Amino acid sequence: MAESLGLGAAFWSPLGGGLLTGKYRESDAGRLTKWGRLVHTETTAQKTATVDAVLEVAAEIGTAPAKVAVAWLRERAARAATPFVTIIGPRDVRQLEDYLGALDVELTDDQYIRLTEVSAVPLGQPHDLVAAQRNTTLGGDAGRVIRPAVPVS
């Protein structure tokens, strides 16, 4: 939304309180035991699919899921027409090393697109209706229409 309005954004909690690392699938150690709650849980099929995709990409390139998640946000920021900043909050040296290790992770276009598509927030109506009519509205092939980098009014 911020980018569509020409605004920058700050990505807070880039790992979703540990959700994107997949650690809560194996154990409840972390915020669950220390705080008695999680910041984010796999409460929807989309969240589960997003965690699955992060874990799959991490396995493909042989690195930690935390590094993949942060590398994905860095790539998102690099491709954005407006400034995006990721705010990290490591609680220990290992987490800091994962954040810094993300600087060395290169995602392929396919991996980036897969992560972006699976995590996309459904916009609901009327956006879904407009998206369904996009090809018709833009003359049959919306892919041939060049959009401005930053929306203009």
C-alpha atoms as a PDB file:
ATOM      1  CA  MET A   1       0.000   0.000   0.000  1.00  0.00           C
ATOM      2  CA  ALA A   2       2.773   2.412   0.936  1.00  0.00           C
ATOM      3  CA  GLU A   3       4.502   1.968  -2.409  1.00  0.00           C
ATOM      4  CA  SER A   4       1.275   2.470  -4.347  1.00  0.00           C
ATOM      5  CA  LEU A   5       0.916   5.817  -2.568  1.00  0.00           C
ATOM      6  CA  GLY A   6       4.543   6.780  -3.209  1.00  0.00           C
ATOM      7  CA  LEU A   7       5.483   6.403   0.468  1.00  0.00           C
ATOM      8  CA  GLY A   8       8.397   4.656   2.118  1.00  0.00           C
ATOM      9  CA  ALA A   9       7.843   1.955   4.738  1.00  0.00           C
ATOM     10  CA  ALA A  10       9.633   0.304   7.633  1.00  0.00           C
ATOM     11  CA  PHE A  11       9.443  -3.485   7.902  1.00  0.00           C
ATOM     12  CA  TRP A  12       9.203  -4.234  11.605  1.00  0.00           C
ATOM     13  CA  SER A  13       9.671  -7.775  12.935  1.00  0.00           C
ATOM     14  CA  PRO A  14      10.949  -9.196   9.636  1.00  0.00           C
ATOM     15  CA  LEU A  15      10.886 -12.751  10.994  1.00  0.00           C
ATOM     16  CA  GLY A  16       7.362 -12.485  12.403  1.00  0.00           C
ATOM     17  CA  GLY A  17       8.526 -13.175  15.946  1.00  0.00           C
ATOM     18  CA  GLY A  18      10.336 -16.301  14.741  1.00  0.00           C
ATOM     19  CA  LEU A  19       7.443 -17.597  12.634  1.00  0.00           C
ATOM     20  CA  LEU A  20       9.377 -17.390   9.347  1.00  0.00           C
ATOM     21  CA  THR A  21      12.277 -19.378  10.765  1.00  0.00           C
ATOM     22  CA  GLY A  22      10.013 -22.423  11.122  1.00  0.00           C
ATOM     23  CA  LYS A  23      11.281 -23.010  14.657  1.00  0.00           C
ATOM     24  CA  TYR A  24       7.809 -23.250  16.172  1.00  0.00           C
ATOM     25  CA  ARG A  25       7.078 -26.279  14.030  1.00  0.00           C
ATOM     26  CA  GLU A  26       9.712 -28.205  15.965  1.00  0.00           C
ATOM     27  CA  SER A  27       9.575 -26.650  19.437  1.00  0.00           C
ATOM     28  CA  ASP A  28       7.828 -24.030  21.517  1.00  0.00           C
ATOM     29  CA  ALA A  29      11.151 -22.556  22.698  1.00  0.00           C
ATOM     30  CA  GLY A  30      11.381 -18.818  22.211  1.00  0.00           C
ATOM     31  CA  ARG A  31       8.734 -16.181  22.724  1.00  0.00           C
ATOM     32  CA  LEU A  32       6.128 -18.851  23.372  1.00  0.00           C
ATOM     33  CA  THR A  33       7.871 -20.079  26.526  1.00  0.00           C
ATOM     34  CA  LYS A  34       9.443 -16.771  27.575  1.00  0.00           C
ATOM     35  CA  TRP A  35       6.402 -14.556  27.038  1.00  0.00           C
ATOM     36  CA  GLY A  36       3.625 -17.122  27.086  1.00  0.00           C
ATOM     37  CA  ARG A  37       2.554 -16.018  23.608  1.00  0.00           C
ATOM     38  CA  LEU A  38       3.751 -15.668  20.056  1.00  0.00           C
ATOM     39  CA  VAL A  39       3.809 -12.526  17.995  1.00  0.00           C
ATOM     40  CA  HIS A  40       2.572 -14.466  14.952  1.00  0.00           C
ATOM     41  CA  THR A  41       1.282 -17.997  14.515  1.00  0.00           C
ATOM     42  CA  GLU A  42       0.265 -20.136  11.570  1.00  0.00           C
ATOM     43  CA  THR A  43      -3.410 -19.255  11.976  1.00  0.00           C
ATOM     44  CA  THR A  44      -4.187 -19.152   8.254  1.00  0.00           C
ATOM     45  CA  ALA A  45      -3.400 -21.257   5.217  1.00  0.00           C
ATOM     46  CA  GLN A  46      -1.540 -18.260   3.767  1.00  0.00           C
ATOM     47  CA  LYS A  47       0.787 -17.990   6.770  1.00  0.00           C
ATOM     48  CA  THR A  48       1.482 -21.724   6.586  1.00  0.00           C
ATOM     49  CA  ALA A  49       2.167 -21.466   2.848  1.00  0.00           C
ATOM     50  CA  THR A  50       4.518 -18.523   3.452  1.00  0.00           C
ATOM     51  CA  VAL A  51       6.504 -20.427   6.087  1.00  0.00           C
ATOM     52  CA  ASP A  52       6.591 -23.449   3.745  1.00  0.00           C
ATOM     53  CA  ALA A  53       7.968 -21.279   0.928  1.00  0.00           C
ATOM     54  CA  VAL A  54      10.666 -19.724   3.124  1.00  0.00           C
ATOM     55  CA  LEU A  55      11.734 -23.182   4.335  1.00  0.00           C
ATOM     56  CA  GLU A  56      11.755 -24.542   0.763  1.00  0.00           C
ATOM     57  CA  VAL A  57      13.929 -21.688  -0.524  1.00  0.00           C
ATOM     58  CA  ALA A  58      16.278 -22.066   2.457  1.00  0.00           C
ATOM     59  CA  ALA A  59      16.660 -25.778   1.665  1.00  0.00           C
ATOM     60  CA  GLU A  60      17.252 -25.015  -2.039  1.00  0.00           C
ATOM     61  CA  ILE A  61      20.135 -22.647  -1.357  1.00  0.00           C
ATOM     62  CA  GLY A  62      21.428 -24.359   1.781  1.00  0.00           C
ATOM     63  CA  THR A  63      21.036 -21.533   4.259  1.00  0.00           C
ATOM     64  CA  ALA A  64      19.007 -20.625   7.332  1.00  0.00           C
ATOM     65  CA  PRO A  65      15.350 -19.640   6.865  1.00  0.00           C
ATOM     66  CA  ALA A  66      16.002 -16.413   8.809  1.00  0.00           C
ATOM     67  CA  LYS A  67      18.596 -15.403   6.226  1.00  0.00           C
ATOM     68  CA  VAL A  68      16.154 -16.125   3.393  1.00  0.00           C
ATOM     69  CA  ALA A  69      13.394 -14.049   5.012  1.00  0.00           C
ATOM     70  CA  VAL A  70      15.659 -11.034   5.506  1.00  0.00           C
ATOM     71  CA  ALA A  71      17.240 -11.422   2.049  1.00  0.00           C
ATOM     72  CA  TRP A  72      13.738 -11.460   0.577  1.00  0.00           C
ATOM     73  CA  LEU A  73      12.886  -8.172   2.319  1.00  0.00           C
ATOM     74  CA  ARG A  74      16.183  -6.666   1.149  1.00  0.00           C
ATOM     75  CA  GLU A  75      15.358  -7.692  -2.423  1.00  0.00           C
ATOM     76  CA  ARG A  76      11.854  -6.265  -2.032  1.00  0.00           C
ATOM     77  CA  ALA A  77      13.380  -2.970  -0.921  1.00  0.00           C
ATOM     78  CA  ALA A  78      15.822  -3.003  -3.855  1.00  0.00           C
ATOM     79  CA  ARG A  79      12.984  -3.493  -6.345  1.00  0.00           C
ATOM     80  CA  ALA A  80      10.652  -0.943  -4.753  1.00  0.00           C
ATOM     81  CA  ALA A  81      10.039   2.459  -6.253  1.00  0.00           C
ATOM     82  CA  THR A  82       9.982   3.982  -2.767  1.00  0.00           C
ATOM     83  CA  PRO A  83      12.337   3.522   0.213  1.00  0.00           C
ATOM     84  CA  PHE A  84      11.830   0.428   2.365  1.00  0.00           C
ATOM     85  CA  VAL A  85      13.855  -0.185   5.525  1.00  0.00           C
ATOM     86  CA  THR A  86      13.958  -3.382   7.566  1.00  0.00           C
ATOM     87  CA  ILE A  87      14.154  -2.908  11.332  1.00  0.00           C
ATOM     88  CA  ILE A  88      15.926  -5.808  12.994  1.00  0.00           C
ATOM     89  CA  GLY A  89      15.848  -6.708  16.677  1.00  0.00           C
ATOM     90  CA  PRO A  90      18.203  -9.586  17.412  1.00  0.00           C
ATOM     91  CA  ARG A  91      18.044 -10.913  20.961  1.00  0.00           C
ATOM     92  CA  ASP A  92      21.361 -12.753  20.817  1.00  0.00           C
ATOM     93  CA  VAL A  93      24.559 -13.052  18.772  1.00  0.00           C
ATOM     94  CA  ARG A  94      23.268 -16.010  16.726  1.00  0.00           C
ATOM     95  CA  GLN A  95      20.259 -13.987  15.580  1.00  0.00           C
ATOM     96  CA  LEU A  96      22.498 -11.037  14.720  1.00  0.00           C
ATOM     97  CA  GLU A  97      24.716 -13.356  12.673  1.00  0.00           C
ATOM     98  CA  ASP A  98      21.661 -14.590  10.759  1.00  0.00           C
ATOM     99  CA  TYR A  99      20.582 -11.027  10.030  1.00  0.00           C
ATOM    100  CA  LEU A 100      24.060 -10.069   8.841  1.00  0.00           C
ATOM    101  CA  GLY A 101      24.417 -13.350   6.935  1.00  0.00           C
ATOM    102  CA  ALA A 102      21.390 -12.345   4.873  1.00  0.00           C
ATOM    103  CA  LEU A 103      23.626  -9.770   3.175  1.00  0.00           C
ATOM    104  CA  ASP A 104      25.352 -12.667   1.391  1.00  0.00           C
ATOM    105  CA  VAL A 105      22.162 -14.435   0.281  1.00  0.00           C
ATOM    106  CA  GLU A 106      21.157 -13.980  -3.350  1.00  0.00           C
ATOM    107  CA  LEU A 107      17.651 -15.041  -4.337  1.00  0.00           C
ATOM    108  CA  THR A 108      16.810 -16.003  -7.896  1.00  0.00           C
ATOM    109  CA  ASP A 109      13.950 -14.213  -9.610  1.00  0.00           C
ATOM    110  CA  ASP A 110      11.860 -17.372  -9.273  1.00  0.00           C
ATOM    111  CA  GLN A 111      12.508 -17.588  -5.527  1.00  0.00           C
ATOM    112  CA  TYR A 112      11.733 -13.907  -5.015  1.00  0.00           C
ATOM    113  CA  ILE A 113       8.500 -14.123  -7.016  1.00  0.00           C
ATOM    114  CA  ARG A 114       7.441 -17.300  -5.209  1.00  0.00           C
ATOM    115  CA  LEU A 115       7.935 -15.678  -1.783  1.00  0.00           C
ATOM    116  CA  THR A 116       6.225 -12.462  -2.859  1.00  0.00           C
ATOM    117  CA  GLU A 117       3.196 -14.171  -4.371  1.00  0.00           C
ATOM    118  CA  VAL A 118       2.591 -16.586  -1.503  1.00  0.00           C
ATOM    119  CA  SER A 119       2.775 -13.812   1.091  1.00  0.00           C
ATOM    120  CA  ALA A 120       0.661 -11.251  -0.777  1.00  0.00           C
ATOM    121  CA  VAL A 121      -2.145  -9.899   1.355  1.00  0.00           C
ATOM    122  CA  PRO A 122      -5.543 -10.438  -0.263  1.00  0.00           C
ATOM    123  CA  LEU A 123      -7.052  -7.029  -0.892  1.00  0.00           C
ATOM    124  CA  GLY A 124     -10.679  -8.114  -1.032  1.00  0.00           C
ATOM    125  CA  GLN A 125     -13.391  -6.219  -2.859  1.00  0.00           C
ATOM    126  CA  PRO A 126     -13.402  -4.118  -4.955  1.00  0.00           C
ATOM    127  CA  HIS A 127      -9.745  -4.881  -5.675  1.00  0.00           C
ATOM    128  CA  ASP A 128     -10.366  -8.546  -6.555  1.00  0.00           C
ATOM    129  CA  LEU A 129     -13.075  -7.548  -9.047  1.00  0.00           C
ATOM    130  CA  VAL A 130     -10.840  -4.893 -10.632  1.00  0.00           C
ATOM    131  CA  ALA A 131      -7.919  -7.349 -10.861  1.00  0.00           C
ATOM    132  CA  ALA A 132     -10.154  -9.933 -12.531  1.00  0.00           C
ATOM    133  CA  GLN A 133     -11.078  -7.376 -15.216  1.00  0.00           C
ATOM    134  CA  ARG A 134      -7.543  -5.998 -15.668  1.00  0.00           C
ATOM    135  CA  ASN A 135      -6.814  -7.644 -19.035  1.00  0.00           C
ATOM    136  CA  THR A 136     -10.134  -6.514 -20.487  1.00  0.00           C
ATOM    137  CA  THR A 137      -9.756  -2.979 -19.158  1.00  0.00           C
ATOM    138  CA  LEU A 138      -6.234  -2.642 -20.562  1.00  0.00           C
ATOM    139  CA  GLY A 139      -7.013  -3.859 -24.059  1.00  0.00           C
ATOM    140  CA  GLY A 140      -6.614  -7.611 -23.715  1.00  0.00           C
ATOM    141  CA  ASP A 141      -3.054  -8.013 -22.383  1.00  0.00           C
ATOM    142  CA  ALA A 142      -2.257  -6.128 -19.192  1.00  0.00           C
ATOM    143  CA  GLY A 143       1.332  -7.399 -19.329  1.00  0.00           C
ATOM    144  CA  ARG A 144       2.033  -5.108 -22.279  1.00  0.00           C
ATOM    145  CA  VAL A 145       1.065  -1.964 -20.354  1.00  0.00           C
ATOM    146  CA  ILE A 146       3.986  -0.110 -18.778  1.00  0.00           C
ATOM    147  CA  ARG A 147       3.032   1.240 -15.366  1.00  0.00           C
ATOM    148  CA  PRO A 148       4.764   4.295 -13.849  1.00  0.00           C
ATOM    149  CA  ALA A 149       7.283   3.428 -11.104  1.00  0.00           C
ATOM    150  CA  VAL A 150       5.567   5.718  -8.626  1.00  0.00           C
ATOM    151  CA  PRO A 151       1.858   6.396  -9.014  1.00  0.00           C
ATOM    152  CA  VAL A 152       0.948   9.867 -10.118  1.00  0.00           C
ATOM    153  CA  SER A 153      -2.296  11.661  -9.494  1.00  0.00           C
END
